């Protein structure tokens, strides 16, 4: 229960609003070419797919690396079912990966995105919340479900009600 509360708090904090800026401050987008920032900020120009693939590899990857292309395809496919943008999905995926590692249940970022994206099929104008689905997935894993079992639990929750 405490971990679920902590996850919710982290997810809400990371979604967060930005600090109010004085009018004299300007926002400068940056693109990480030689390093991997801890998180992607709203003004970060780094490609979320490249960032995620690099984090998983343990070092920055070139934009044309096969791992980056595969991650880009996964984010693009998942994006159709979620409200959040790819940057936010990338941040949430890294958070989930870290939390799973803490309990000894590691998964690749692509398997997380593909699995959750496969459940969040767009239903008309309604889309799912990636952050909420991440929390439910983590809870299922923490309670002993394997990857496929956690996805099955989520899929049963996400089914639209029969008319």
C-alpha atoms as a PDB file:
ATOM      1  CA  UNK A   1       0.000   0.000   0.000  1.00  0.00           C
ATOM      2  CA  UNK A   2       2.829   2.362   0.901  1.00  0.00           C
ATOM      3  CA  UNK A   3       4.595   1.619  -2.410  1.00  0.00           C
ATOM      4  CA  UNK A   4       1.369   2.316  -4.358  1.00  0.00           C
ATOM      5  CA  UNK A   5       1.046   5.662  -2.588  1.00  0.00           C
ATOM      6  CA  UNK A   6       4.694   6.444  -3.330  1.00  0.00           C
ATOM      7  CA  UNK A   7       4.229   5.537  -6.992  1.00  0.00           C
ATOM      8  CA  UNK A   8       1.153   7.731  -7.271  1.00  0.00           C
ATOM      9  CA  UNK A   9       3.009  10.602  -5.636  1.00  0.00           C
ATOM     10  CA  UNK A  10       5.992  10.181  -7.975  1.00  0.00           C
ATOM     11  CA  UNK A  11       3.805   9.974 -11.049  1.00  0.00           C
ATOM     12  CA  UNK A  12       1.842  13.073 -10.137  1.00  0.00           C
ATOM     13  CA  UNK A  13       4.976  15.002  -9.208  1.00  0.00           C
ATOM     14  CA  UNK A  14       6.741  14.116 -12.441  1.00  0.00           C
ATOM     15  CA  UNK A  15       3.729  15.187 -14.522  1.00  0.00           C
ATOM     16  CA  UNK A  16       4.032  18.427 -12.734  1.00  0.00           C
ATOM     17  CA  UNK A  17       3.726  21.894 -13.763  1.00  0.00           C
ATOM     18  CA  UNK A  18       6.799  23.904 -14.353  1.00  0.00           C
ATOM     19  CA  UNK A  19       8.090  26.491 -11.939  1.00  0.00           C
ATOM     20  CA  UNK A  20       6.654  29.929 -12.664  1.00  0.00           C
ATOM     21  CA  UNK A  21       9.092  31.932 -14.750  1.00  0.00           C
ATOM     22  CA  UNK A  22       9.859  35.574 -14.593  1.00  0.00           C
ATOM     23  CA  UNK A  23       9.101  37.292 -17.859  1.00  0.00           C
ATOM     24  CA  UNK A  24      12.788  38.011 -18.423  1.00  0.00           C
ATOM     25  CA  UNK A  25      13.661  34.302 -18.395  1.00  0.00           C
ATOM     26  CA  UNK A  26      13.645  32.479 -21.677  1.00  0.00           C
ATOM     27  CA  UNK A  27      13.165  28.787 -22.296  1.00  0.00           C
ATOM     28  CA  UNK A  28      15.917  27.129 -24.262  1.00  0.00           C
ATOM     29  CA  UNK A  29      15.320  23.636 -25.593  1.00  0.00           C
ATOM     30  CA  UNK A  30      18.352  21.417 -25.436  1.00  0.00           C
ATOM     31  CA  UNK A  31      19.187  18.288 -27.303  1.00  0.00           C
ATOM     32  CA  UNK A  32      21.416  15.745 -25.594  1.00  0.00           C
ATOM     33  CA  UNK A  33      23.935  14.435 -28.099  1.00  0.00           C
ATOM     34  CA  UNK A  34      26.698  13.186 -25.842  1.00  0.00           C
ATOM     35  CA  UNK A  35      24.897  12.455 -22.591  1.00  0.00           C
ATOM     36  CA  UNK A  36      21.677  10.965 -21.343  1.00  0.00           C
ATOM     37  CA  UNK A  37      19.777  13.252 -18.984  1.00  0.00           C
ATOM     38  CA  UNK A  38      18.082  11.673 -15.984  1.00  0.00           C
ATOM     39  CA  UNK A  39      14.638  12.747 -17.228  1.00  0.00           C
ATOM     40  CA  UNK A  40      13.203  14.460 -20.241  1.00  0.00           C
ATOM     41  CA  UNK A  41      11.872  17.888 -19.327  1.00  0.00           C
ATOM     42  CA  UNK A  42       9.088  19.706 -21.183  1.00  0.00           C
ATOM     43  CA  UNK A  43      11.674  21.921 -22.887  1.00  0.00           C
ATOM     44  CA  UNK A  44      14.097  19.113 -23.728  1.00  0.00           C
ATOM     45  CA  UNK A  45      14.639  18.643 -27.447  1.00  0.00           C
ATOM     46  CA  UNK A  46      15.902  15.072 -27.063  1.00  0.00           C
ATOM     47  CA  UNK A  47      14.018  12.456 -29.075  1.00  0.00           C
ATOM     48  CA  UNK A  48      12.224  10.264 -26.486  1.00  0.00           C
ATOM     49  CA  UNK A  49      12.882   7.099 -28.524  1.00  0.00           C
ATOM     50  CA  UNK A  50      16.581   7.845 -28.777  1.00  0.00           C
ATOM     51  CA  UNK A  51      16.757   8.672 -25.082  1.00  0.00           C
ATOM     52  CA  UNK A  52      14.977   5.456 -24.031  1.00  0.00           C
ATOM     53  CA  UNK A  53      17.043   3.256 -26.342  1.00  0.00           C
ATOM     54  CA  UNK A  54      20.222   4.914 -25.067  1.00  0.00           C
ATOM     55  CA  UNK A  55      19.199   4.485 -21.440  1.00  0.00           C
ATOM     56  CA  UNK A  56      18.570   0.809 -22.054  1.00  0.00           C
ATOM     57  CA  UNK A  57      21.901   0.423 -23.881  1.00  0.00           C
ATOM     58  CA  UNK A  58      23.729   2.349 -21.156  1.00  0.00           C
ATOM     59  CA  UNK A  59      25.115   4.983 -23.526  1.00  0.00           C
ATOM     60  CA  UNK A  60      23.872   7.436 -26.167  1.00  0.00           C
ATOM     61  CA  UNK A  61      22.975   5.876 -29.515  1.00  0.00           C
ATOM     62  CA  UNK A  62      23.016   7.504 -32.934  1.00  0.00           C
ATOM     63  CA  UNK A  63      19.658   8.583 -34.315  1.00  0.00           C
ATOM     64  CA  UNK A  64      19.821   5.925 -37.038  1.00  0.00           C
ATOM     65  CA  UNK A  65      20.596   2.996 -34.698  1.00  0.00           C
ATOM     66  CA  UNK A  66      18.215   0.032 -35.118  1.00  0.00           C
ATOM     67  CA  UNK A  67      17.366   0.154 -31.395  1.00  0.00           C
ATOM     68  CA  UNK A  68      16.259   3.778 -31.757  1.00  0.00           C
ATOM     69  CA  UNK A  69      14.114   2.970 -34.808  1.00  0.00           C
ATOM     70  CA  UNK A  70      12.479   0.074 -32.949  1.00  0.00           C
ATOM     71  CA  UNK A  71      11.807   2.230 -29.880  1.00  0.00           C
ATOM     72  CA  UNK A  72      10.404   4.985 -32.096  1.00  0.00           C
ATOM     73  CA  UNK A  73       8.001   2.485 -33.689  1.00  0.00           C
ATOM     74  CA  UNK A  74       6.912   1.212 -30.260  1.00  0.00           C
ATOM     75  CA  UNK A  75       6.241   4.724 -28.945  1.00  0.00           C
ATOM     76  CA  UNK A  76       4.372   5.681 -32.103  1.00  0.00           C
ATOM     77  CA  UNK A  77       2.141   2.601 -31.931  1.00  0.00           C
ATOM     78  CA  UNK A  78       1.449   3.040 -28.206  1.00  0.00           C
ATOM     79  CA  UNK A  79       0.776   6.759 -28.581  1.00  0.00           C
ATOM     80  CA  UNK A  80      -2.507   6.087 -30.380  1.00  0.00           C
ATOM     81  CA  UNK A  81      -4.032   4.660 -27.209  1.00  0.00           C
ATOM     82  CA  UNK A  82      -2.713   7.073 -24.587  1.00  0.00           C
ATOM     83  CA  UNK A  83      -3.345  10.666 -23.611  1.00  0.00           C
ATOM     84  CA  UNK A  84       0.303  11.361 -22.708  1.00  0.00           C
ATOM     85  CA  UNK A  85       2.880  12.453 -25.246  1.00  0.00           C
ATOM     86  CA  UNK A  86       5.976  10.337 -26.059  1.00  0.00           C
ATOM     87  CA  UNK A  87       8.188  12.361 -23.690  1.00  0.00           C
ATOM     88  CA  UNK A  88       5.922  11.677 -20.746  1.00  0.00           C
ATOM     89  CA  UNK A  89       5.534   8.021 -21.729  1.00  0.00           C
ATOM     90  CA  UNK A  90       9.326   7.711 -21.906  1.00  0.00           C
ATOM     91  CA  UNK A  91       9.743   9.190 -18.423  1.00  0.00           C
ATOM     92  CA  UNK A  92       7.042   6.917 -16.986  1.00  0.00           C
ATOM     93  CA  UNK A  93       8.620   3.878 -18.648  1.00  0.00           C
ATOM     94  CA  UNK A  94      11.989   4.619 -17.049  1.00  0.00           C
ATOM     95  CA  UNK A  95      10.317   5.111 -13.656  1.00  0.00           C
ATOM     96  CA  UNK A  96       8.534   1.790 -14.032  1.00  0.00           C
ATOM     97  CA  UNK A  97      11.744   0.077 -15.114  1.00  0.00           C
ATOM     98  CA  UNK A  98      13.541   1.385 -12.042  1.00  0.00           C
ATOM     99  CA  UNK A  99      10.778   0.307  -9.695  1.00  0.00           C
ATOM    100  CA  UNK A 100      10.622  -3.162 -11.248  1.00  0.00           C
ATOM    101  CA  UNK A 101      14.396  -3.503 -10.915  1.00  0.00           C
ATOM    102  CA  UNK A 102      14.089  -2.677  -7.208  1.00  0.00           C
ATOM    103  CA  UNK A 103      11.839  -5.710  -6.720  1.00  0.00           C
ATOM    104  CA  UNK A 104      13.931  -7.937  -8.996  1.00  0.00           C
ATOM    105  CA  UNK A 105      11.518  -8.007 -11.946  1.00  0.00           C
ATOM    106  CA  UNK A 106      13.250  -6.310 -14.836  1.00  0.00           C
ATOM    107  CA  UNK A 107      11.640  -5.822 -18.244  1.00  0.00           C
ATOM    108  CA  UNK A 108      12.875  -4.127 -21.373  1.00  0.00           C
ATOM    109  CA  UNK A 109      11.440  -0.703 -22.076  1.00  0.00           C
ATOM    110  CA  UNK A 110      10.070  -1.896 -25.414  1.00  0.00           C
ATOM    111  CA  UNK A 111       8.275  -4.859 -23.849  1.00  0.00           C
ATOM    112  CA  UNK A 112       6.659  -2.494 -21.348  1.00  0.00           C
ATOM    113  CA  UNK A 113       5.600   0.026 -23.987  1.00  0.00           C
ATOM    114  CA  UNK A 114       4.440  -2.638 -26.448  1.00  0.00           C
ATOM    115  CA  UNK A 115       2.578  -4.569 -23.766  1.00  0.00           C
ATOM    116  CA  UNK A 116       0.812  -1.578 -22.277  1.00  0.00           C
ATOM    117  CA  UNK A 117       0.200  -0.061 -25.699  1.00  0.00           C
ATOM    118  CA  UNK A 118      -1.411  -3.274 -26.882  1.00  0.00           C
ATOM    119  CA  UNK A 119      -3.966  -2.999 -24.108  1.00  0.00           C
ATOM    120  CA  UNK A 120      -4.727   0.685 -24.547  1.00  0.00           C
ATOM    121  CA  UNK A 121      -6.396   0.419 -27.894  1.00  0.00           C
ATOM    122  CA  UNK A 122      -8.198   3.635 -28.712  1.00  0.00           C
ATOM    123  CA  UNK A 123     -11.905   3.332 -28.126  1.00  0.00           C
ATOM    124  CA  UNK A 124     -13.438   6.129 -30.128  1.00  0.00           C
ATOM    125  CA  UNK A 125     -12.382   9.412 -28.621  1.00  0.00           C
ATOM    126  CA  UNK A 126     -11.393   7.797 -25.331  1.00  0.00           C
ATOM    127  CA  UNK A 127      -7.754   7.116 -24.589  1.00  0.00           C
ATOM    128  CA  UNK A 128      -6.065   5.558 -21.586  1.00  0.00           C
ATOM    129  CA  UNK A 129      -3.739   7.214 -19.101  1.00  0.00           C
ATOM    130  CA  UNK A 130      -0.259   5.737 -19.390  1.00  0.00           C
ATOM    131  CA  UNK A 131       0.700   6.788 -15.870  1.00  0.00           C
ATOM    132  CA  UNK A 132      -2.356   5.078 -14.403  1.00  0.00           C
ATOM    133  CA  UNK A 133      -1.746   1.908 -16.392  1.00  0.00           C
ATOM    134  CA  UNK A 134       1.915   1.897 -15.297  1.00  0.00           C
ATOM    135  CA  UNK A 135       0.792   2.024 -11.661  1.00  0.00           C
ATOM    136  CA  UNK A 136      -1.618  -0.900 -12.076  1.00  0.00           C
ATOM    137  CA  UNK A 137       1.011  -2.902 -13.967  1.00  0.00           C
ATOM    138  CA  UNK A 138       3.560  -2.321 -11.213  1.00  0.00           C
ATOM    139  CA  UNK A 139       1.065  -3.304  -8.506  1.00  0.00           C
ATOM    140  CA  UNK A 140       0.276  -6.563 -10.317  1.00  0.00           C
ATOM    141  CA  UNK A 141       3.991  -7.346 -10.678  1.00  0.00           C
ATOM    142  CA  UNK A 142       4.673  -6.506  -7.027  1.00  0.00           C
ATOM    143  CA  UNK A 143       1.892  -8.930  -6.061  1.00  0.00           C
ATOM    144  CA  UNK A 144       3.629 -11.746  -7.944  1.00  0.00           C
ATOM    145  CA  UNK A 145       2.270 -11.658 -11.490  1.00  0.00           C
ATOM    146  CA  UNK A 146       4.723 -12.160 -14.337  1.00  0.00           C
ATOM    147  CA  UNK A 147       4.769  -9.787 -17.320  1.00  0.00           C
ATOM    148  CA  UNK A 148       2.048 -11.609 -19.280  1.00  0.00           C
ATOM    149  CA  UNK A 149      -0.093 -12.111 -16.178  1.00  0.00           C
ATOM    150  CA  UNK A 150       0.075  -8.421 -15.273  1.00  0.00           C
ATOM    151  CA  UNK A 151      -0.896  -7.477 -18.830  1.00  0.00           C
ATOM    152  CA  UNK A 152      -3.801  -9.946 -18.721  1.00  0.00           C
ATOM    153  CA  UNK A 153      -5.040  -8.359 -15.477  1.00  0.00           C
ATOM    154  CA  UNK A 154      -4.843  -4.911 -17.065  1.00  0.00           C
ATOM    155  CA  UNK A 155      -6.555  -6.074 -20.234  1.00  0.00           C
ATOM    156  CA  UNK A 156      -9.508  -7.361 -18.232  1.00  0.00           C
ATOM    157  CA  UNK A 157      -9.784  -3.958 -16.527  1.00  0.00           C
ATOM    158  CA  UNK A 158      -9.576  -2.031 -19.793  1.00  0.00           C
ATOM    159  CA  UNK A 159     -12.336  -3.843 -21.673  1.00  0.00           C
ATOM    160  CA  UNK A 160     -15.211  -1.506 -22.447  1.00  0.00           C
ATOM    161  CA  UNK A 161     -18.456  -2.351 -20.699  1.00  0.00           C
ATOM    162  CA  UNK A 162     -20.963  -4.328 -22.732  1.00  0.00           C
ATOM    163  CA  UNK A 163     -23.979  -2.263 -23.892  1.00  0.00           C
END
